[in-house]
């Protein structure tokens, strides 16, 4: 499985580039949700998969490996049968907490209403 992410840019220069570089590390199918759920603590693969819902096993594995390669997630493998693998945020990953919580708040206030309106889905009561 190809776990080497191809970056959009080879160099990040210019005023807004730190924003793009940051998004580069945690944007992708489900990465934000993975990081958000790991804020609660260490989780096993199937616990993460259940919390994410519709993500496939292959996609979750790929995203976790990219997050691990970026230094945001730590993967701990235990030498037991059946195999036991746990994931947790690294210190760098945990430093995303205020950003992820701000994104959650912004999403509740702005993104969900916009997406509901575009899809003509009624707001939850």
PDB file of N, CA and C in Angstrom:
ATOM      1  N   UNK A   1       0.848  -1.168   0.000  1.00  0.00           N
ATOM      2  CA  UNK A   1       0.000   0.000   0.000  1.00  0.00           C
ATOM      3  C   UNK A   1       0.896   1.235   0.000  1.00  0.00           C
ATOM      4  N   UNK A   2       0.575   2.161  -0.866  1.00  0.00           N
ATOM      5  CA  UNK A   2       1.358   3.391  -0.981  1.00  0.00           C
ATOM      6  C   UNK A   2       0.993   4.332   0.157  1.00  0.00           C
ATOM      7  N   UNK A   3       1.933   4.579   1.061  1.00  0.00           N
ATOM      8  CA  UNK A   3       1.653   5.473   2.181  1.00  0.00           C
ATOM      9  C   UNK A   3       2.448   6.762   2.097  1.00  0.00           C
ATOM     10  N   UNK A   4       3.153   6.948   0.992  1.00  0.00           N
ATOM     11  CA  UNK A   4       3.920   8.170   0.819  1.00  0.00           C
ATOM     12  C   UNK A   4       3.007   9.204   0.188  1.00  0.00           C
ATOM     13  N   UNK A   5       2.698  10.238   0.947  1.00  0.00           N
ATOM     14  CA  UNK A   5       1.816  11.292   0.447  1.00  0.00           C
ATOM     15  C   UNK A   5       2.593  12.189  -0.499  1.00  0.00           C
ATOM     16  N   UNK A   6       1.952  12.545  -1.583  1.00  0.00           N
ATOM     17  CA  UNK A   6       2.561  13.474  -2.523  1.00  0.00           C
ATOM     18  C   UNK A   6       2.122  14.881  -2.146  1.00  0.00           C
ATOM     19  N   UNK A   7       3.091  15.715  -1.776  1.00  0.00           N
ATOM     20  CA  UNK A   7       2.792  17.072  -1.320  1.00  0.00           C
ATOM     21  C   UNK A   7       2.458  17.973  -2.495  1.00  0.00           C
ATOM     22  N   UNK A   8       1.589  18.932  -2.259  1.00  0.00           N
ATOM     23  CA  UNK A   8       1.195  19.881  -3.306  1.00  0.00           C
ATOM     24  C   UNK A   8       2.341  20.791  -3.699  1.00  0.00           C
ATOM     25  N   UNK A   9       3.230  21.054  -2.781  1.00  0.00           N
ATOM     26  CA  UNK A   9       4.323  21.979  -3.051  1.00  0.00           C
ATOM     27  C   UNK A   9       5.616  21.396  -2.520  1.00  0.00           C
ATOM     28  N   UNK A  10       6.708  21.678  -3.206  1.00  0.00           N
ATOM     29  CA  UNK A  10       8.011  21.217  -2.712  1.00  0.00           C
ATOM     30  C   UNK A  10       8.605  22.222  -1.740  1.00  0.00           C
ATOM     31  N   UNK A  11       8.230  23.494  -1.893  1.00  0.00           N
ATOM     32  CA  UNK A  11       8.694  24.532  -0.974  1.00  0.00           C
ATOM     33  C   UNK A  11       7.500  25.351  -0.530  1.00  0.00           C
ATOM     34  N   UNK A  12       7.514  25.746   0.701  1.00  0.00           N
ATOM     35  CA  UNK A  12       6.457  26.586   1.244  1.00  0.00           C
ATOM     36  C   UNK A  12       7.069  27.928   1.576  1.00  0.00           C
ATOM     37  N   UNK A  13       6.912  28.853   0.660  1.00  0.00           N
ATOM     38  CA  UNK A  13       7.418  30.197   0.871  1.00  0.00           C
ATOM     39  C   UNK A  13       6.273  31.171   0.669  1.00  0.00           C
ATOM     40  N   UNK A  14       6.378  32.320   1.265  1.00  0.00           N
ATOM     41  CA  UNK A  14       5.326  33.322   1.153  1.00  0.00           C
ATOM     42  C   UNK A  14       4.529  33.412   2.426  1.00  0.00           C
ATOM     43  N   UNK A  15       3.755  34.467   2.518  1.00  0.00           N
ATOM     44  CA  UNK A  15       3.050  34.789   3.754  1.00  0.00           C
ATOM     45  C   UNK A  15       2.031  33.730   4.176  1.00  0.00           C
ATOM     46  N   UNK A  16       1.232  33.223   3.247  1.00  0.00           N
ATOM     47  CA  UNK A  16       0.187  32.264   3.601  1.00  0.00           C
ATOM     48  C   UNK A  16       0.627  30.821   3.592  1.00  0.00           C
ATOM     49  N   UNK A  17       1.850  30.562   3.213  1.00  0.00           N
ATOM     50  CA  UNK A  17       2.305  29.180   3.067  1.00  0.00           C
ATOM     51  C   UNK A  17       2.326  28.357   4.357  1.00  0.00           C
ATOM     52  N   UNK A  18       2.585  28.957   5.525  1.00  0.00           N
ATOM     53  CA  UNK A  18       2.475  28.137   6.738  1.00  0.00           C
ATOM     54  C   UNK A  18       1.073  27.566   6.943  1.00  0.00           C
ATOM     55  N   UNK A  19       0.054  28.296   6.490  1.00  0.00           N
ATOM     56  CA  UNK A  19      -1.319  27.788   6.577  1.00  0.00           C
ATOM     57  C   UNK A  19      -1.467  26.581   5.668  1.00  0.00           C
ATOM     58  N   UNK A  20      -1.004  26.704   4.423  1.00  0.00           N
ATOM     59  CA  UNK A  20      -1.099  25.590   3.483  1.00  0.00           C
ATOM     60  C   UNK A  20      -0.284  24.396   3.978  1.00  0.00           C
ATOM     61  N   UNK A  21       0.909  24.664   4.500  1.00  0.00           N
ATOM     62  CA  UNK A  21       1.758  23.582   5.008  1.00  0.00           C
ATOM     63  C   UNK A  21       1.068  22.860   6.163  1.00  0.00           C
ATOM     64  N   UNK A  22       0.415  23.604   7.046  1.00  0.00           N
ATOM     65  CA  UNK A  22      -0.297  22.995   8.171  1.00  0.00           C
ATOM     66  C   UNK A  22      -1.455  22.140   7.679  1.00  0.00           C
ATOM     67  N   UNK A  23      -2.255  22.699   6.775  1.00  0.00           N
ATOM     68  CA  UNK A  23      -3.390  21.948   6.237  1.00  0.00           C
ATOM     69  C   UNK A  23      -2.934  20.700   5.498  1.00  0.00           C
ATOM     70  N   UNK A  24      -1.792  20.783   4.879  1.00  0.00           N
ATOM     71  CA  UNK A  24      -1.212  19.653   4.146  1.00  0.00           C
ATOM     72  C   UNK A  24      -1.043  18.437   5.065  1.00  0.00           C
ATOM     73  N   UNK A  25      -0.690  18.676   6.324  1.00  0.00           N
ATOM     74  CA  UNK A  25      -0.438  17.573   7.257  1.00  0.00           C
ATOM     75  C   UNK A  25      -1.702  16.905   7.761  1.00  0.00           C
ATOM     76  N   UNK A  26      -2.787  17.665   7.930  1.00  0.00           N
ATOM     77  CA  UNK A  26      -3.962  17.027   8.511  1.00  0.00           C
ATOM     78  C   UNK A  26      -5.233  17.160   7.673  1.00  0.00           C
ATOM     79  N   UNK A  27      -5.069  17.532   6.402  1.00  0.00           N
ATOM     80  CA  UNK A  27      -6.236  17.478   5.526  1.00  0.00           C
ATOM     81  C   UNK A  27      -6.215  16.135   4.807  1.00  0.00           C
ATOM     82  N   UNK A  28      -7.348  15.673   4.447  1.00  0.00           N
ATOM     83  CA  UNK A  28      -7.456  14.378   3.788  1.00  0.00           C
ATOM     84  C   UNK A  28      -8.680  13.652   4.298  1.00  0.00           C
ATOM     85  N   UNK A  29      -9.003  12.562   3.665  1.00  0.00           N
ATOM     86  CA  UNK A  29     -10.218  11.835   4.011  1.00  0.00           C
ATOM     87  C   UNK A  29     -10.191  11.331   5.448  1.00  0.00           C
ATOM     88  N   UNK A  30     -10.867  12.041   6.302  1.00  0.00           N
ATOM     89  CA  UNK A  30     -11.029  11.598   7.681  1.00  0.00           C
ATOM     90  C   UNK A  30      -9.912  11.957   8.638  1.00  0.00           C
ATOM     91  N   UNK A  31      -8.835  12.586   8.181  1.00  0.00           N
ATOM     92  CA  UNK A  31      -7.730  12.878   9.093  1.00  0.00           C
ATOM     93  C   UNK A  31      -8.148  13.801  10.229  1.00  0.00           C
ATOM     94  N   UNK A  32      -8.935  14.808   9.910  1.00  0.00           N
ATOM     95  CA  UNK A  32      -9.409  15.717  10.957  1.00  0.00           C
ATOM     96  C   UNK A  32     -10.234  14.979  11.994  1.00  0.00           C
ATOM     97  N   UNK A  33     -11.091  14.060  11.521  1.00  0.00           N
ATOM     98  CA  UNK A  33     -11.915  13.282  12.447  1.00  0.00           C
ATOM     99  C   UNK A  33     -11.069  12.321  13.271  1.00  0.00           C
ATOM    100  N   UNK A  34     -10.072  11.726  12.656  1.00  0.00           N
ATOM    101  CA  UNK A  34      -9.168  10.835  13.395  1.00  0.00           C
ATOM    102  C   UNK A  34      -8.497  11.613  14.513  1.00  0.00           C
ATOM    103  N   UNK A  35      -7.926  12.760  14.174  1.00  0.00           N
ATOM    104  CA  UNK A  35      -7.246  13.592  15.174  1.00  0.00           C
ATOM    105  C   UNK A  35      -8.219  14.028  16.264  1.00  0.00           C
ATOM    106  N   UNK A  36      -9.428  14.418  15.872  1.00  0.00           N
ATOM    107  CA  UNK A  36     -10.431  14.858  16.841  1.00  0.00           C
ATOM    108  C   UNK A  36     -10.755  13.738  17.833  1.00  0.00           C
ATOM    109  N   UNK A  37     -10.984  12.535  17.329  1.00  0.00           N
ATOM    110  CA  UNK A  37     -11.335  11.424  18.229  1.00  0.00           C
ATOM    111  C   UNK A  37     -10.157  11.009  19.108  1.00  0.00           C
ATOM    112  N   UNK A  38      -8.946  11.161  18.612  1.00  0.00           N
ATOM    113  CA  UNK A  38      -7.778  10.814  19.432  1.00  0.00           C
ATOM    114  C   UNK A  38      -7.502  11.851  20.512  1.00  0.00           C
ATOM    115  N   UNK A  39      -8.174  13.005  20.454  1.00  0.00           N
ATOM    116  CA  UNK A  39      -8.050  13.982  21.546  1.00  0.00           C
ATOM    117  C   UNK A  39      -8.524  13.370  22.863  1.00  0.00           C
ATOM    118  N   UNK A  40      -9.450  12.411  22.770  1.00  0.00           N
ATOM    119  CA  UNK A  40     -10.003  11.758  23.959  1.00  0.00           C
ATOM    120  C   UNK A  40      -9.026  10.777  24.583  1.00  0.00           C
ATOM    121  N   UNK A  41      -8.003  10.372  23.835  1.00  0.00           N
ATOM    122  CA  UNK A  41      -7.016   9.435  24.364  1.00  0.00           C
ATOM    123  C   UNK A  41      -6.722   8.323  23.373  1.00  0.00           C
ATOM    124  N   UNK A  42      -6.008   7.333  23.855  1.00  0.00           N
ATOM    125  CA  UNK A  42      -5.578   6.199  23.034  1.00  0.00           C
ATOM    126  C   UNK A  42      -6.777   5.369  22.584  1.00  0.00           C
ATOM    127  N   UNK A  43      -6.772   5.008  21.302  1.00  0.00           N
ATOM    128  CA  UNK A  43      -7.849   4.183  20.756  1.00  0.00           C
ATOM    129  C   UNK A  43      -7.263   3.072  19.896  1.00  0.00           C
ATOM    130  N   UNK A  44      -7.946   1.943  19.890  1.00  0.00           N
ATOM    131  CA  UNK A  44      -7.565   0.851  18.999  1.00  0.00           C
ATOM    132  C   UNK A  44      -8.186   1.087  17.632  1.00  0.00           C
ATOM    133  N   UNK A  45      -7.675   0.394  16.625  1.00  0.00           N
ATOM    134  CA  UNK A  45      -8.096   0.593  15.241  1.00  0.00           C
ATOM    135  C   UNK A  45      -9.615   0.482  15.084  1.00  0.00           C
ATOM    136  N   UNK A  46     -10.201  -0.601  15.600  1.00  0.00           N
ATOM    137  CA  UNK A  46     -11.638  -0.818  15.418  1.00  0.00           C
ATOM    138  C   UNK A  46     -12.472   0.217  16.163  1.00  0.00           C
ATOM    139  N   UNK A  47     -11.969   0.727  17.297  1.00  0.00           N
ATOM    140  CA  UNK A  47     -12.678   1.795  17.998  1.00  0.00           C
ATOM    141  C   UNK A  47     -12.727   3.050  17.122  1.00  0.00           C
ATOM    142  N   UNK A  48     -11.598   3.370  16.506  1.00  0.00           N
ATOM    143  CA  UNK A  48     -11.548   4.508  15.590  1.00  0.00           C
ATOM    144  C   UNK A  48     -12.497   4.286  14.412  1.00  0.00           C
ATOM    145  N   UNK A  49     -12.462   3.110  13.840  1.00  0.00           N
ATOM    146  CA  UNK A  49     -13.300   2.804  12.676  1.00  0.00           C
ATOM    147  C   UNK A  49     -14.773   2.963  13.023  1.00  0.00           C
ATOM    148  N   UNK A  50     -15.182   2.490  14.193  1.00  0.00           N
ATOM    149  CA  UNK A  50     -16.580   2.631  14.628  1.00  0.00           C
ATOM    150  C   UNK A  50     -16.961   4.099  14.778  1.00  0.00           C
ATOM    151  N   UNK A  51     -16.064   4.896  15.352  1.00  0.00           N
ATOM    152  CA  UNK A  51     -16.366   6.316  15.576  1.00  0.00           C
ATOM    153  C   UNK A  51     -16.444   7.107  14.265  1.00  0.00           C
ATOM    154  N   UNK A  52     -15.666   6.683  13.274  1.00  0.00           N
ATOM    155  CA  UNK A  52     -15.650   7.402  12.006  1.00  0.00           C
ATOM    156  C   UNK A  52     -16.809   7.015  11.104  1.00  0.00           C
ATOM    157  N   UNK A  53     -17.391   5.858  11.337  1.00  0.00           N
ATOM    158  CA  UNK A  53     -18.557   5.472  10.556  1.00  0.00           C
ATOM    159  C   UNK A  53     -18.223   4.900   9.194  1.00  0.00           C
ATOM    160  N   UNK A  54     -18.420   5.682   8.144  1.00  0.00           N
ATOM    161  CA  UNK A  54     -18.399   5.149   6.787  1.00  0.00           C
ATOM    162  C   UNK A  54     -17.017   4.976   6.169  1.00  0.00           C
ATOM    163  N   UNK A  55     -15.953   5.244   6.883  1.00  0.00           N
ATOM    164  CA  UNK A  55     -14.614   5.104   6.321  1.00  0.00           C
ATOM    165  C   UNK A  55     -14.270   3.617   6.157  1.00  0.00           C
ATOM    166  N   UNK A  56     -13.607   3.299   5.061  1.00  0.00           N
ATOM    167  CA  UNK A  56     -13.209   1.905   4.839  1.00  0.00           C
ATOM    168  C   UNK A  56     -11.950   1.590   5.644  1.00  0.00           C
ATOM    169  N   UNK A  57     -11.727   0.303   5.870  1.00  0.00           N
ATOM    170  CA  UNK A  57     -10.543  -0.135   6.603  1.00  0.00           C
ATOM    171  C   UNK A  57      -9.279   0.312   5.872  1.00  0.00           C
ATOM    172  N   UNK A  58      -9.274   0.176   4.564  1.00  0.00           N
ATOM    173  CA  UNK A  58      -8.107   0.562   3.764  1.00  0.00           C
ATOM    174  C   UNK A  58      -7.812   2.053   3.887  1.00  0.00           C
ATOM    175  N   UNK A  59      -8.859   2.888   3.795  1.00  0.00           N
ATOM    176  CA  UNK A  59      -8.671   4.330   3.870  1.00  0.00           C
ATOM    177  C   UNK A  59      -8.201   4.747   5.264  1.00  0.00           C
ATOM    178  N   UNK A  60      -8.785   4.140   6.303  1.00  0.00           N
ATOM    179  CA  UNK A  60      -8.375   4.461   7.663  1.00  0.00           C
ATOM    180  C   UNK A  60      -6.913   4.100   7.875  1.00  0.00           C
ATOM    181  N   UNK A  61      -6.507   2.932   7.410  1.00  0.00           N
ATOM    182  CA  UNK A  61      -5.113   2.511   7.529  1.00  0.00           C
ATOM    183  C   UNK A  61      -4.195   3.497   6.825  1.00  0.00           C
ATOM    184  N   UNK A  62      -4.553   3.896   5.615  1.00  0.00           N
ATOM    185  CA  UNK A  62      -3.741   4.839   4.839  1.00  0.00           C
ATOM    186  C   UNK A  62      -3.618   6.186   5.563  1.00  0.00           C
ATOM    187  N   UNK A  63      -4.732   6.693   6.057  1.00  0.00           N
ATOM    188  CA  UNK A  63      -4.711   7.998   6.733  1.00  0.00           C
ATOM    189  C   UNK A  63      -3.918   7.929   8.035  1.00  0.00           C
ATOM    190  N   UNK A  64      -4.072   6.848   8.782  1.00  0.00           N
ATOM    191  CA  UNK A  64      -3.308   6.686  10.023  1.00  0.00           C
ATOM    192  C   UNK A  64      -1.804   6.621   9.741  1.00  0.00           C
ATOM    193  N   UNK A  65      -1.432   5.929   8.682  1.00  0.00           N
ATOM    194  CA  UNK A  65      -0.009   5.836   8.337  1.00  0.00           C
ATOM    195  C   UNK A  65       0.554   7.190   7.927  1.00  0.00           C
ATOM    196  N   UNK A  66      -0.234   7.979   7.186  1.00  0.00           N
ATOM    197  CA  UNK A  66       0.217   9.317   6.818  1.00  0.00           C
ATOM    198  C   UNK A  66       0.340  10.216   8.043  1.00  0.00           C
ATOM    199  N   UNK A  67      -0.612  10.107   8.969  1.00  0.00           N
ATOM    200  CA  UNK A  67      -0.534  10.894  10.201  1.00  0.00           C
ATOM    201  C   UNK A  67       0.658  10.469  11.052  1.00  0.00           C
ATOM    202  N   UNK A  68       0.940   9.180  11.050  1.00  0.00           N
ATOM    203  CA  UNK A  68       2.110   8.665  11.765  1.00  0.00           C
ATOM    204  C   UNK A  68       3.394   9.185  11.113  1.00  0.00           C
ATOM    205  N   UNK A  69       3.460   9.133   9.784  1.00  0.00           N
ATOM    206  CA  UNK A  69       4.642   9.615   9.060  1.00  0.00           C
ATOM    207  C   UNK A  69       4.858  11.107   9.275  1.00  0.00           C
ATOM    208  N   UNK A  70       3.771  11.851   9.484  1.00  0.00           N
ATOM    209  CA  UNK A  70       3.862  13.289   9.737  1.00  0.00           C
ATOM    210  C   UNK A  70       4.228  13.601  11.182  1.00  0.00           C
ATOM    211  N   UNK A  71       4.234  12.584  12.032  1.00  0.00           N
ATOM    212  CA  UNK A  71       4.588  12.798  13.434  1.00  0.00           C
ATOM    213  C   UNK A  71       3.439  13.297  14.287  1.00  0.00           C
ATOM    214  N   UNK A  72       2.204  13.143  13.810  1.00  0.00           N
ATOM    215  CA  UNK A  72       1.042  13.609  14.573  1.00  0.00           C
ATOM    216  C   UNK A  72       0.398  12.493  15.397  1.00  0.00           C
ATOM    217  N   UNK A  73       0.590  11.247  14.950  1.00  0.00           N
ATOM    218  CA  UNK A  73      -0.005  10.089  15.616  1.00  0.00           C
ATOM    219  C   UNK A  73       1.088   9.067  15.896  1.00  0.00           C
ATOM    220  N   UNK A  74       0.987   8.441  17.073  1.00  0.00           N
ATOM    221  CA  UNK A  74       1.916   7.364  17.443  1.00  0.00           C
ATOM    222  C   UNK A  74       1.156   6.045  17.373  1.00  0.00           C
ATOM    223  N   UNK A  75       1.784   5.054  16.759  1.00  0.00           N
ATOM    224  CA  UNK A  75       1.209   3.712  16.623  1.00  0.00           C
ATOM    225  C   UNK A  75       1.985   2.776  17.529  1.00  0.00           C
ATOM    226  N   UNK A  76       1.281   2.120  18.435  1.00  0.00           N
ATOM    227  CA  UNK A  76       1.901   1.180  19.374  1.00  0.00           C
ATOM    228  C   UNK A  76       1.403  -0.222  19.057  1.00  0.00           C
ATOM    229  N   UNK A  77       2.319  -1.117  18.705  1.00  0.00           N
ATOM    230  CA  UNK A  77       1.976  -2.504  18.389  1.00  0.00           C
ATOM    231  C   UNK A  77       2.400  -3.375  19.563  1.00  0.00           C
ATOM    232  N   UNK A  78       1.487  -4.211  20.028  1.00  0.00           N
ATOM    233  CA  UNK A  78       1.777  -5.132  21.126  1.00  0.00           C
ATOM    234  C   UNK A  78       1.957  -6.542  20.559  1.00  0.00           C
ATOM    235  N   UNK A  79       2.967  -7.237  21.022  1.00  0.00           N
ATOM    236  CA  UNK A  79       3.273  -8.593  20.536  1.00  0.00           C
ATOM    237  C   UNK A  79       2.403  -9.619  21.248  1.00  0.00           C
ATOM    238  N   UNK A  80       1.139  -9.621  20.896  1.00  0.00           N
ATOM    239  CA  UNK A  80       0.188 -10.574  21.467  1.00  0.00           C
ATOM    240  C   UNK A  80      -0.623 -11.175  20.317  1.00  0.00           C
ATOM    241  N   UNK A  81      -1.302 -12.286  20.611  1.00  0.00           N
ATOM    242  CA  UNK A  81      -2.181 -12.903  19.635  1.00  0.00           C
ATOM    243  C   UNK A  81      -3.587 -12.854  20.210  1.00  0.00           C
ATOM    244  N   UNK A  82      -4.559 -12.294  19.502  1.00  0.00           N
ATOM    245  CA  UNK A  82      -4.440 -11.598  18.222  1.00  0.00           C
ATOM    246  C   UNK A  82      -3.684 -10.274  18.391  1.00  0.00           C
ATOM    247  N   UNK A  83      -3.150  -9.759  17.288  1.00  0.00           N
ATOM    248  CA  UNK A  83      -2.372  -8.518  17.368  1.00  0.00           C
ATOM    249  C   UNK A  83      -3.196  -7.368  17.962  1.00  0.00           C
ATOM    250  N   UNK A  84      -2.536  -6.561  18.743  1.00  0.00           N
ATOM    251  CA  UNK A  84      -3.184  -5.407  19.359  1.00  0.00           C
ATOM    252  C   UNK A  84      -2.400  -4.168  18.933  1.00  0.00           C
ATOM    253  N   UNK A  85      -3.098  -3.199  18.336  1.00  0.00           N
ATOM    254  CA  UNK A  85      -2.476  -1.964  17.882  1.00  0.00           C
ATOM    255  C   UNK A  85      -3.284  -0.804  18.446  1.00  0.00           C
ATOM    256  N   UNK A  86      -2.586   0.145  19.054  1.00  0.00           N
ATOM    257  CA  UNK A  86      -3.240   1.333  19.597  1.00  0.00           C
ATOM    258  C   UNK A  86      -2.659   2.577  18.953  1.00  0.00           C
ATOM    259  N   UNK A  87      -3.497   3.601  18.874  1.00  0.00           N
ATOM    260  CA  UNK A  87      -3.089   4.881  18.303  1.00  0.00           C
ATOM    261  C   UNK A  87      -3.347   5.979  19.323  1.00  0.00           C
ATOM    262  N   UNK A  88      -2.405   6.915  19.370  1.00  0.00           N
ATOM    263  CA  UNK A  88      -2.575   8.083  20.235  1.00  0.00           C
ATOM    264  C   UNK A  88      -1.894   9.262  19.560  1.00  0.00           C
ATOM    265  N   UNK A  89      -2.261  10.450  20.001  1.00  0.00           N
ATOM    266  CA  UNK A  89      -1.622  11.650  19.479  1.00  0.00           C
ATOM    267  C   UNK A  89      -0.230  11.786  20.059  1.00  0.00           C
ATOM    268  N   UNK A  90       0.702  12.248  19.261  1.00  0.00           N
ATOM    269  CA  UNK A  90       2.014  12.633  19.774  1.00  0.00           C
ATOM    270  C   UNK A  90       1.846  14.001  20.429  1.00  0.00           C
ATOM    271  N   UNK A  91       2.889  14.514  21.040  1.00  0.00           N
ATOM    272  CA  UNK A  91       2.817  15.862  21.612  1.00  0.00           C
ATOM    273  C   UNK A  91       2.498  16.886  20.529  1.00  0.00           C
ATOM    274  N   UNK A  92       3.088  16.702  19.350  1.00  0.00           N
ATOM    275  CA  UNK A  92       2.809  17.609  18.234  1.00  0.00           C
ATOM    276  C   UNK A  92       1.348  17.488  17.817  1.00  0.00           C
ATOM    277  N   UNK A  93       0.847  16.267  17.724  1.00  0.00           N
ATOM    278  CA  UNK A  93      -0.559  16.056  17.378  1.00  0.00           C
ATOM    279  C   UNK A  93      -1.492  16.651  18.420  1.00  0.00           C
ATOM    280  N   UNK A  94      -1.143  16.478  19.697  1.00  0.00           N
ATOM    281  CA  UNK A  94      -1.970  17.019  20.781  1.00  0.00           C
ATOM    282  C   UNK A  94      -1.993  18.549  20.758  1.00  0.00           C
ATOM    283  N   UNK A  95      -0.949  19.156  20.208  1.00  0.00           N
ATOM    284  CA  UNK A  95      -0.921  20.620  20.134  1.00  0.00           C
ATOM    285  C   UNK A  95      -1.969  21.155  19.158  1.00  0.00           C
ATOM    286  N   UNK A  96      -2.579  20.277  18.367  1.00  0.00           N
ATOM    287  CA  UNK A  96      -3.665  20.671  17.466  1.00  0.00           C
ATOM    288  C   UNK A  96      -5.007  20.819  18.180  1.00  0.00           C
ATOM    289  N   UNK A  97      -5.071  20.454  19.453  1.00  0.00           N
ATOM    290  CA  UNK A  97      -6.355  20.474  20.164  1.00  0.00           C
ATOM    291  C   UNK A  97      -7.103  21.803  20.045  1.00  0.00           C
ATOM    292  N   UNK A  98      -6.481  22.956  20.336  1.00  0.00           N
ATOM    293  CA  UNK A  98      -7.259  24.197  20.221  1.00  0.00           C
ATOM    294  C   UNK A  98      -7.732  24.467  18.787  1.00  0.00           C
ATOM    295  N   UNK A  99      -6.953  24.048  17.812  1.00  0.00           N
ATOM    296  CA  UNK A  99      -7.334  24.245  16.411  1.00  0.00           C
ATOM    297  C   UNK A  99      -8.518  23.354  16.064  1.00  0.00           C
ATOM    298  N   UNK A 100      -8.453  22.085  16.468  1.00  0.00           N
ATOM    299  CA  UNK A 100      -9.541  21.154  16.171  1.00  0.00           C
ATOM    300  C   UNK A 100     -10.832  21.562  16.871  1.00  0.00           C
ATOM    301  N   UNK A 101     -10.724  22.020  18.116  1.00  0.00           N
ATOM    302  CA  UNK A 101     -11.921  22.460  18.848  1.00  0.00           C
ATOM    303  C   UNK A 101     -12.494  23.731  18.230  1.00  0.00           C
ATOM    304  N   UNK A 102     -11.620  24.620  17.754  1.00  0.00           N
ATOM    305  CA  UNK A 102     -12.092  25.830  17.067  1.00  0.00           C
ATOM    306  C   UNK A 102     -12.772  25.463  15.747  1.00  0.00           C
ATOM    307  N   UNK A 103     -12.219  24.485  15.023  1.00  0.00           N
ATOM    308  CA  UNK A 103     -12.850  24.025  13.788  1.00  0.00           C
ATOM    309  C   UNK A 103     -14.217  23.404  14.068  1.00  0.00           C
ATOM    310  N   UNK A 104     -14.323  22.662  15.154  1.00  0.00           N
ATOM    311  CA  UNK A 104     -15.602  22.055  15.533  1.00  0.00           C
ATOM    312  C   UNK A 104     -16.628  23.152  15.794  1.00  0.00           C
ATOM    313  N   UNK A 105     -16.234  24.140  16.574  1.00  0.00           N
ATOM    314  CA  UNK A 105     -17.142  25.245  16.900  1.00  0.00           C
ATOM    315  C   UNK A 105     -17.538  26.021  15.635  1.00  0.00           C
ATOM    316  N   UNK A 106     -16.563  26.316  14.786  1.00  0.00           N
ATOM    317  CA  UNK A 106     -16.833  27.040  13.547  1.00  0.00           C
ATOM    318  C   UNK A 106     -17.755  26.215  12.652  1.00  0.00           C
ATOM    319  N   UNK A 107     -17.506  24.917  12.602  1.00  0.00           N
ATOM    320  CA  UNK A 107     -18.337  24.027  11.792  1.00  0.00           C
ATOM    321  C   UNK A 107     -19.775  23.993  12.256  1.00  0.00           C
ATOM    322  N   UNK A 108     -19.976  23.953  13.582  1.00  0.00           N
ATOM    323  CA  UNK A 108     -21.340  23.958  14.118  1.00  0.00           C
ATOM    324  C   UNK A 108     -22.050  25.266  13.783  1.00  0.00           C
ATOM    325  N   UNK A 109     -21.321  26.356  13.896  1.00  0.00           N
ATOM    326  CA  UNK A 109     -21.921  27.672  13.696  1.00  0.00           C
ATOM    327  C   UNK A 109     -22.078  28.047  12.221  1.00  0.00           C
ATOM    328  N   UNK A 110     -21.115  27.664  11.386  1.00  0.00           N
ATOM    329  CA  UNK A 110     -21.123  28.134  10.006  1.00  0.00           C
ATOM    330  C   UNK A 110     -21.223  27.020   8.959  1.00  0.00           C
ATOM    331  N   UNK A 111     -20.347  26.016   9.035  1.00  0.00           N
ATOM    332  CA  UNK A 111     -20.274  25.015   7.973  1.00  0.00           C
ATOM    333  C   UNK A 111     -21.539  24.169   7.876  1.00  0.00           C
ATOM    334  N   UNK A 112     -22.021  23.637   9.008  1.00  0.00           N
ATOM    335  CA  UNK A 112     -23.212  22.784   8.954  1.00  0.00           C
ATOM    336  C   UNK A 112     -24.430  23.524   8.413  1.00  0.00           C
ATOM    337  N   UNK A 113     -24.714  24.752   8.866  1.00  0.00           N
ATOM    338  CA  UNK A 113     -25.856  25.470   8.277  1.00  0.00           C
ATOM    339  C   UNK A 113     -25.709  25.684   6.766  1.00  0.00           C
ATOM    340  N   UNK A 114     -24.500  26.006   6.307  1.00  0.00           N
ATOM    341  CA  UNK A 114     -24.283  26.210   4.875  1.00  0.00           C
ATOM    342  C   UNK A 114     -24.523  24.915   4.113  1.00  0.00           C
ATOM    343  N   UNK A 115     -23.938  23.817   4.597  1.00  0.00           N
ATOM    344  CA  UNK A 115     -24.085  22.530   3.912  1.00  0.00           C
ATOM    345  C   UNK A 115     -25.532  22.034   3.948  1.00  0.00           C
ATOM    346  N   UNK A 116     -26.217  22.251   5.074  1.00  0.00           N
ATOM    347  CA  UNK A 116     -27.624  21.847   5.161  1.00  0.00           C
ATOM    348  C   UNK A 116     -28.468  22.639   4.172  1.00  0.00           C
ATOM    349  N   UNK A 117     -28.191  23.920   4.089  1.00  0.00           N
ATOM    350  CA  UNK A 117     -28.956  24.771   3.186  1.00  0.00           C
ATOM    351  C   UNK A 117     -28.704  24.366   1.729  1.00  0.00           C
ATOM    352  N   UNK A 118     -27.463  24.075   1.403  1.00  0.00           N
ATOM    353  CA  UNK A 118     -27.125  23.653   0.040  1.00  0.00           C
ATOM    354  C   UNK A 118     -27.787  22.329  -0.302  1.00  0.00           C
ATOM    355  N   UNK A 119     -27.875  21.436   0.677  1.00  0.00           N
ATOM    356  CA  UNK A 119     -28.470  20.117   0.439  1.00  0.00           C
ATOM    357  C   UNK A 119     -29.965  20.105   0.776  1.00  0.00           C
ATOM    358  N   UNK A 120     -30.479  21.231   1.253  1.00  0.00           N
ATOM    359  CA  UNK A 120     -31.886  21.362   1.647  1.00  0.00           C
ATOM    360  C   UNK A 120     -32.263  20.351   2.727  1.00  0.00           C
ATOM    361  N   UNK A 121     -31.352  20.188   3.720  1.00  0.00           N
ATOM    362  CA  UNK A 121     -31.569  19.280   4.846  1.00  0.00           C
ATOM    363  C   UNK A 121     -32.000  20.135   6.036  1.00  0.00           C
ATOM    364  N   UNK A 122     -33.083  19.763   6.715  1.00  0.00           N
ATOM    365  CA  UNK A 122     -33.525  20.560   7.875  1.00  0.00           C
ATOM    366  C   UNK A 122     -32.514  20.483   9.023  1.00  0.00           C
ATOM    367  N   UNK A 123     -32.404  21.580   9.778  1.00  0.00           N
ATOM    368  CA  UNK A 123     -31.515  21.630  10.937  1.00  0.00           C
ATOM    369  C   UNK A 123     -32.034  20.699  12.014  1.00  0.00           C
ATOM    370  N   UNK A 124     -31.112  20.133  12.802  1.00  0.00           N
ATOM    371  CA  UNK A 124     -31.508  19.264  13.914  1.00  0.00           C
ATOM    372  C   UNK A 124     -32.097  20.125  15.010  1.00  0.00           C
ATOM    373  N   UNK A 125     -33.099  19.568  15.714  1.00  0.00           N
ATOM    374  CA  UNK A 125     -33.692  20.340  16.807  1.00  0.00           C
ATOM    375  C   UNK A 125     -33.179  19.936  18.134  1.00  0.00           C
TER     376      UNK A 125
END
